[in-house]
Amino acid sequence: MLSKPEDMIAWGLLILPLIVIAWSAVWFASVEAERNRYERYKRFHAIMEQLAKSDGATADKMAAAYELRNYREYKDIISKIFVDGRVRQDSGDALQKQLKDTLDHIGH
């Protein structure tokens, strides 16, 4: 048992660094996950820009469209942008609705 103050201090000196190491690991994992989400968003945005280029090669656009399959977390917006394999023609109305949906989602 911990009958001596020296024993308690020894356990404290052992446990405190372990707590700090655990906290650091959790913090690092959180930062890394956020960085990965941001990098993934940038790649998705680059794919969308590739599809939007009017002078882009068809093969490049086909490859970009295929790559969109890997971004399931964006399926809602992808389905709103593309209708029957084409970019929406009512883009102004679609953007306005998307902005309204975003405001509703964040509780404005």
N, C-alpha and C. Protein backbone atom coordinates (compact mmCIF):
# COMPACT_ATOMS: atom_id res chain seq x y z
N MET A 1 0.83 -1.19 0.00
CA MET A 1 0.00 0.00 0.00
C MET A 1 0.87 1.25 0.00
N LEU A 2 0.20 2.36 -0.25
CA LEU A 2 0.91 3.63 -0.29
C LEU A 2 0.92 4.26 1.10
N SER A 3 1.78 3.78 1.93
CA SER A 3 1.80 4.28 3.29
C SER A 3 2.78 5.42 3.46
N LYS A 4 3.75 5.52 2.61
CA LYS A 4 4.76 6.55 2.75
C LYS A 4 4.53 7.65 1.72
N PRO A 5 4.77 8.89 2.10
CA PRO A 5 4.65 9.99 1.13
C PRO A 5 5.60 9.82 -0.06
N GLU A 6 6.75 9.20 0.17
CA GLU A 6 7.70 8.99 -0.93
C GLU A 6 7.11 8.07 -2.00
N ASP A 7 6.33 7.08 -1.56
CA ASP A 7 5.68 6.16 -2.51
C ASP A 7 4.67 6.91 -3.37
N MET A 8 3.91 7.78 -2.73
CA MET A 8 2.91 8.56 -3.47
C MET A 8 3.58 9.49 -4.47
N ILE A 9 4.66 10.11 -4.10
CA ILE A 9 5.40 10.99 -4.99
C ILE A 9 5.95 10.18 -6.17
N ALA A 10 6.48 9.00 -5.88
CA ALA A 10 7.02 8.15 -6.95
C ALA A 10 5.94 7.77 -7.95
N TRP A 11 4.76 7.39 -7.46
CA TRP A 11 3.66 7.05 -8.37
C TRP A 11 3.23 8.28 -9.16
N GLY A 12 3.20 9.42 -8.49
CA GLY A 12 2.83 10.66 -9.19
C GLY A 12 3.82 11.00 -10.29
N LEU A 13 5.10 10.81 -10.02
CA LEU A 13 6.13 11.07 -11.03
C LEU A 13 6.05 10.08 -12.19
N LEU A 14 5.49 8.93 -11.94
CA LEU A 14 5.31 7.94 -13.00
C LEU A 14 4.05 8.22 -13.82
N ILE A 15 2.98 8.55 -13.16
CA ILE A 15 1.68 8.72 -13.82
C ILE A 15 1.58 10.05 -14.57
N LEU A 16 2.11 11.12 -14.03
CA LEU A 16 1.99 12.44 -14.66
C LEU A 16 2.55 12.45 -16.09
N PRO A 17 3.76 11.94 -16.33
CA PRO A 17 4.24 11.92 -17.72
C PRO A 17 3.36 11.06 -18.64
N LEU A 18 2.81 9.98 -18.11
CA LEU A 18 1.92 9.15 -18.93
C LEU A 18 0.67 9.90 -19.33
N ILE A 19 0.13 10.69 -18.42
CA ILE A 19 -1.04 11.51 -18.74
C ILE A 19 -0.69 12.54 -19.81
N VAL A 20 0.46 13.17 -19.67
CA VAL A 20 0.90 14.17 -20.66
C VAL A 20 1.10 13.52 -22.03
N ILE A 21 1.71 12.35 -22.04
CA ILE A 21 1.92 11.64 -23.31
C ILE A 21 0.59 11.26 -23.95
N ALA A 22 -0.36 10.79 -23.15
CA ALA A 22 -1.68 10.42 -23.69
C ALA A 22 -2.39 11.65 -24.25
N TRP A 23 -2.35 12.76 -23.53
CA TRP A 23 -3.00 13.99 -24.01
C TRP A 23 -2.35 14.45 -25.31
N SER A 24 -1.02 14.38 -25.37
CA SER A 24 -0.32 14.80 -26.59
C SER A 24 -0.71 13.92 -27.78
N ALA A 25 -0.85 12.64 -27.54
CA ALA A 25 -1.23 11.72 -28.62
C ALA A 25 -2.62 12.04 -29.13
N VAL A 26 -3.55 12.31 -28.23
CA VAL A 26 -4.92 12.66 -28.63
C VAL A 26 -4.92 13.97 -29.40
N TRP A 27 -4.18 14.95 -28.93
CA TRP A 27 -4.11 16.25 -29.61
C TRP A 27 -3.51 16.09 -31.00
N PHE A 28 -2.41 15.33 -31.11
CA PHE A 28 -1.77 15.11 -32.40
C PHE A 28 -2.72 14.42 -33.38
N ALA A 29 -3.43 13.41 -32.91
CA ALA A 29 -4.37 12.70 -33.77
C ALA A 29 -5.48 13.63 -34.25
N SER A 30 -5.94 14.50 -33.38
CA SER A 30 -6.98 15.46 -33.76
C SER A 30 -6.49 16.44 -34.81
N VAL A 31 -5.30 16.96 -34.63
CA VAL A 31 -4.72 17.90 -35.60
C VAL A 31 -4.49 17.19 -36.94
N GLU A 32 -3.99 15.99 -36.89
CA GLU A 32 -3.73 15.23 -38.11
C GLU A 32 -5.03 14.92 -38.87
N ALA A 33 -6.07 14.59 -38.13
CA ALA A 33 -7.37 14.31 -38.77
C ALA A 33 -7.91 15.56 -39.45
N GLU A 34 -7.79 16.69 -38.80
CA GLU A 34 -8.26 17.95 -39.40
C GLU A 34 -7.44 18.28 -40.65
N ARG A 35 -6.14 18.07 -40.60
CA ARG A 35 -5.29 18.32 -41.76
C ARG A 35 -5.70 17.40 -42.92
N ASN A 36 -5.97 16.14 -42.62
CA ASN A 36 -6.40 15.20 -43.65
C ASN A 36 -7.73 15.59 -44.26
N ARG A 37 -8.68 16.06 -43.42
CA ARG A 37 -9.97 16.52 -43.95
C ARG A 37 -9.77 17.71 -44.91
N TYR A 38 -8.90 18.63 -44.52
CA TYR A 38 -8.66 19.81 -45.35
C TYR A 38 -8.00 19.41 -46.68
N GLU A 39 -7.01 18.53 -46.62
CA GLU A 39 -6.35 18.07 -47.84
C GLU A 39 -7.34 17.36 -48.75
N ARG A 40 -8.21 16.58 -48.17
CA ARG A 40 -9.23 15.87 -48.95
C ARG A 40 -10.18 16.88 -49.62
N TYR A 41 -10.57 17.92 -48.87
CA TYR A 41 -11.42 18.96 -49.45
C TYR A 41 -10.71 19.64 -50.62
N LYS A 42 -9.42 19.95 -50.46
CA LYS A 42 -8.69 20.60 -51.55
C LYS A 42 -8.65 19.72 -52.79
N ARG A 43 -8.46 18.40 -52.60
CA ARG A 43 -8.45 17.49 -53.75
C ARG A 43 -9.82 17.44 -54.42
N PHE A 44 -10.88 17.40 -53.61
CA PHE A 44 -12.24 17.40 -54.16
C PHE A 44 -12.48 18.68 -54.96
N HIS A 45 -12.06 19.81 -54.41
CA HIS A 45 -12.26 21.09 -55.09
C HIS A 45 -11.49 21.13 -56.41
N ALA A 46 -10.28 20.58 -56.42
CA ALA A 46 -9.50 20.54 -57.66
C ALA A 46 -10.19 19.67 -58.72
N ILE A 47 -10.78 18.58 -58.30
CA ILE A 47 -11.53 17.72 -59.23
C ILE A 47 -12.71 18.49 -59.82
N MET A 48 -13.43 19.20 -58.97
CA MET A 48 -14.57 19.97 -59.44
C MET A 48 -14.13 21.07 -60.41
N GLU A 49 -12.99 21.69 -60.14
CA GLU A 49 -12.48 22.70 -61.07
C GLU A 49 -12.11 22.07 -62.41
N GLN A 50 -11.54 20.87 -62.37
CA GLN A 50 -11.20 20.16 -63.61
C GLN A 50 -12.46 19.91 -64.44
N LEU A 51 -13.53 19.52 -63.79
CA LEU A 51 -14.79 19.27 -64.50
C LEU A 51 -15.40 20.56 -65.04
N ALA A 52 -15.15 21.67 -64.37
CA ALA A 52 -15.76 22.94 -64.77
C ALA A 52 -15.04 23.60 -65.94
N LYS A 53 -13.81 23.21 -66.22
CA LYS A 53 -13.05 23.83 -67.31
C LYS A 53 -13.74 23.58 -68.64
N SER A 54 -14.00 24.64 -69.34
CA SER A 54 -14.67 24.48 -70.64
C SER A 54 -13.69 24.00 -71.71
N ASP A 55 -12.40 24.25 -71.52
CA ASP A 55 -11.42 23.86 -72.54
C ASP A 55 -10.66 22.59 -72.16
N GLY A 56 -11.10 21.90 -71.11
CA GLY A 56 -10.41 20.69 -70.67
C GLY A 56 -10.66 19.52 -71.61
N ALA A 57 -9.69 18.64 -71.65
CA ALA A 57 -9.81 17.44 -72.49
C ALA A 57 -10.88 16.51 -71.93
N THR A 58 -11.58 15.84 -72.82
CA THR A 58 -12.64 14.92 -72.40
C THR A 58 -12.08 13.81 -71.51
N ALA A 59 -10.92 13.29 -71.85
CA ALA A 59 -10.33 12.22 -71.04
C ALA A 59 -10.04 12.70 -69.62
N ASP A 60 -9.56 13.94 -69.49
CA ASP A 60 -9.30 14.50 -68.16
C ASP A 60 -10.60 14.63 -67.36
N LYS A 61 -11.62 15.07 -68.04
CA LYS A 61 -12.91 15.23 -67.37
C LYS A 61 -13.51 13.88 -66.98
N MET A 62 -13.33 12.89 -67.85
CA MET A 62 -13.83 11.55 -67.52
C MET A 62 -13.10 10.99 -66.30
N ALA A 63 -11.79 11.20 -66.25
CA ALA A 63 -11.00 10.73 -65.11
C ALA A 63 -11.43 11.46 -63.84
N ALA A 64 -11.69 12.76 -63.94
CA ALA A 64 -12.14 13.53 -62.78
C ALA A 64 -13.51 13.06 -62.31
N ALA A 65 -14.41 12.81 -63.27
CA ALA A 65 -15.74 12.31 -62.91
C ALA A 65 -15.64 10.95 -62.23
N TYR A 66 -14.74 10.11 -62.70
CA TYR A 66 -14.54 8.80 -62.08
C TYR A 66 -14.00 8.97 -60.65
N GLU A 67 -13.09 9.90 -60.48
CA GLU A 67 -12.48 10.13 -59.16
C GLU A 67 -13.50 10.62 -58.14
N LEU A 68 -14.56 11.28 -58.59
CA LEU A 68 -15.61 11.73 -57.66
C LEU A 68 -16.23 10.57 -56.89
N ARG A 69 -16.13 9.37 -57.41
CA ARG A 69 -16.69 8.21 -56.72
C ARG A 69 -16.04 7.98 -55.36
N ASN A 70 -14.84 8.51 -55.19
CA ASN A 70 -14.11 8.33 -53.93
C ASN A 70 -14.49 9.37 -52.88
N TYR A 71 -15.41 10.25 -53.18
CA TYR A 71 -15.77 11.34 -52.27
C TYR A 71 -17.23 11.21 -51.86
N ARG A 72 -17.56 10.11 -51.24
CA ARG A 72 -18.95 9.85 -50.84
C ARG A 72 -19.46 10.87 -49.84
N GLU A 73 -18.58 11.47 -49.06
CA GLU A 73 -19.04 12.46 -48.10
C GLU A 73 -19.59 13.72 -48.76
N TYR A 74 -19.31 13.88 -50.05
CA TYR A 74 -19.83 15.02 -50.80
C TYR A 74 -20.98 14.62 -51.72
N LYS A 75 -21.59 13.47 -51.49
CA LYS A 75 -22.61 12.98 -52.41
C LYS A 75 -23.81 13.91 -52.52
N ASP A 76 -24.16 14.58 -51.43
CA ASP A 76 -25.31 15.50 -51.51
C ASP A 76 -25.06 16.64 -52.49
N ILE A 77 -23.90 17.25 -52.39
CA ILE A 77 -23.61 18.38 -53.27
C ILE A 77 -23.35 17.91 -54.70
N ILE A 78 -22.72 16.76 -54.85
CA ILE A 78 -22.48 16.23 -56.19
C ILE A 78 -23.82 15.99 -56.89
N SER A 79 -24.79 15.42 -56.17
CA SER A 79 -26.09 15.14 -56.78
C SER A 79 -26.85 16.43 -57.08
N LYS A 80 -26.55 17.50 -56.37
CA LYS A 80 -27.21 18.78 -56.66
C LYS A 80 -26.57 19.51 -57.83
N ILE A 81 -25.28 19.28 -58.05
CA ILE A 81 -24.57 19.96 -59.14
C ILE A 81 -24.83 19.27 -60.48
N PHE A 82 -24.84 17.93 -60.46
CA PHE A 82 -25.00 17.18 -61.70
C PHE A 82 -26.36 16.51 -61.74
N VAL A 83 -27.07 16.71 -62.84
CA VAL A 83 -28.38 16.10 -63.02
C VAL A 83 -28.32 15.30 -64.33
N ASP A 84 -28.59 14.01 -64.24
CA ASP A 84 -28.58 13.13 -65.41
C ASP A 84 -27.27 13.21 -66.18
N GLY A 85 -26.15 13.28 -65.46
CA GLY A 85 -24.84 13.31 -66.11
C GLY A 85 -24.45 14.65 -66.69
N ARG A 86 -25.20 15.68 -66.40
CA ARG A 86 -24.88 17.02 -66.91
C ARG A 86 -24.86 18.00 -65.76
N VAL A 87 -24.12 19.09 -65.95
CA VAL A 87 -24.12 20.16 -64.96
C VAL A 87 -25.46 20.87 -65.03
N ARG A 88 -26.01 21.19 -63.89
CA ARG A 88 -27.31 21.88 -63.85
C ARG A 88 -27.29 23.14 -64.70
N GLN A 89 -28.39 23.42 -65.34
CA GLN A 89 -28.50 24.63 -66.13
C GLN A 89 -29.02 25.82 -65.29
N ASP A 90 -29.75 25.50 -64.24
CA ASP A 90 -30.28 26.56 -63.38
C ASP A 90 -29.33 26.82 -62.21
N SER A 91 -28.07 27.11 -62.54
CA SER A 91 -27.04 27.20 -61.50
C SER A 91 -27.30 28.31 -60.50
N GLY A 92 -27.86 29.43 -60.93
CA GLY A 92 -28.18 30.52 -60.01
C GLY A 92 -29.20 30.09 -58.97
N ASP A 93 -30.26 29.44 -59.41
CA ASP A 93 -31.29 28.95 -58.48
C ASP A 93 -30.73 27.87 -57.57
N ALA A 94 -29.91 26.99 -58.14
CA ALA A 94 -29.33 25.91 -57.34
C ALA A 94 -28.41 26.46 -56.26
N LEU A 95 -27.61 27.47 -56.61
CA LEU A 95 -26.71 28.08 -55.63
C LEU A 95 -27.51 28.77 -54.53
N GLN A 96 -28.54 29.47 -54.91
CA GLN A 96 -29.38 30.15 -53.91
C GLN A 96 -30.01 29.13 -52.95
N LYS A 97 -30.49 28.02 -53.48
CA LYS A 97 -31.08 26.99 -52.63
C LYS A 97 -30.03 26.36 -51.73
N GLN A 98 -28.84 26.12 -52.27
CA GLN A 98 -27.76 25.54 -51.45
C GLN A 98 -27.38 26.48 -50.31
N LEU A 99 -27.29 27.75 -50.59
CA LEU A 99 -26.97 28.72 -49.53
C LEU A 99 -28.07 28.76 -48.47
N LYS A 100 -29.32 28.67 -48.90
CA LYS A 100 -30.43 28.64 -47.93
C LYS A 100 -30.35 27.38 -47.08
N ASP A 101 -30.09 26.24 -47.72
CA ASP A 101 -29.95 24.97 -46.98
C ASP A 101 -28.80 25.05 -45.97
N THR A 102 -27.72 25.71 -46.36
CA THR A 102 -26.57 25.86 -45.46
C THR A 102 -26.95 26.71 -44.26
N LEU A 103 -27.65 27.80 -44.49
CA LEU A 103 -28.10 28.64 -43.38
C LEU A 103 -29.04 27.87 -42.45
N ASP A 104 -29.93 27.09 -43.03
CA ASP A 104 -30.82 26.28 -42.21
C ASP A 104 -30.04 25.25 -41.38
N HIS A 105 -29.02 24.68 -41.99
CA HIS A 105 -28.24 23.65 -41.32
C HIS A 105 -27.45 24.20 -40.13
N ILE A 106 -26.90 25.40 -40.27
CA ILE A 106 -26.11 25.97 -39.17
C ILE A 106 -26.99 26.66 -38.14
N GLY A 107 -28.30 26.66 -38.38
CA GLY A 107 -29.23 27.18 -37.38
C GLY A 107 -29.33 28.69 -37.35
N HIS A 108 -29.19 29.30 -38.47
CA HIS A 108 -29.30 30.76 -38.57
C HIS A 108 -30.71 31.22 -38.42
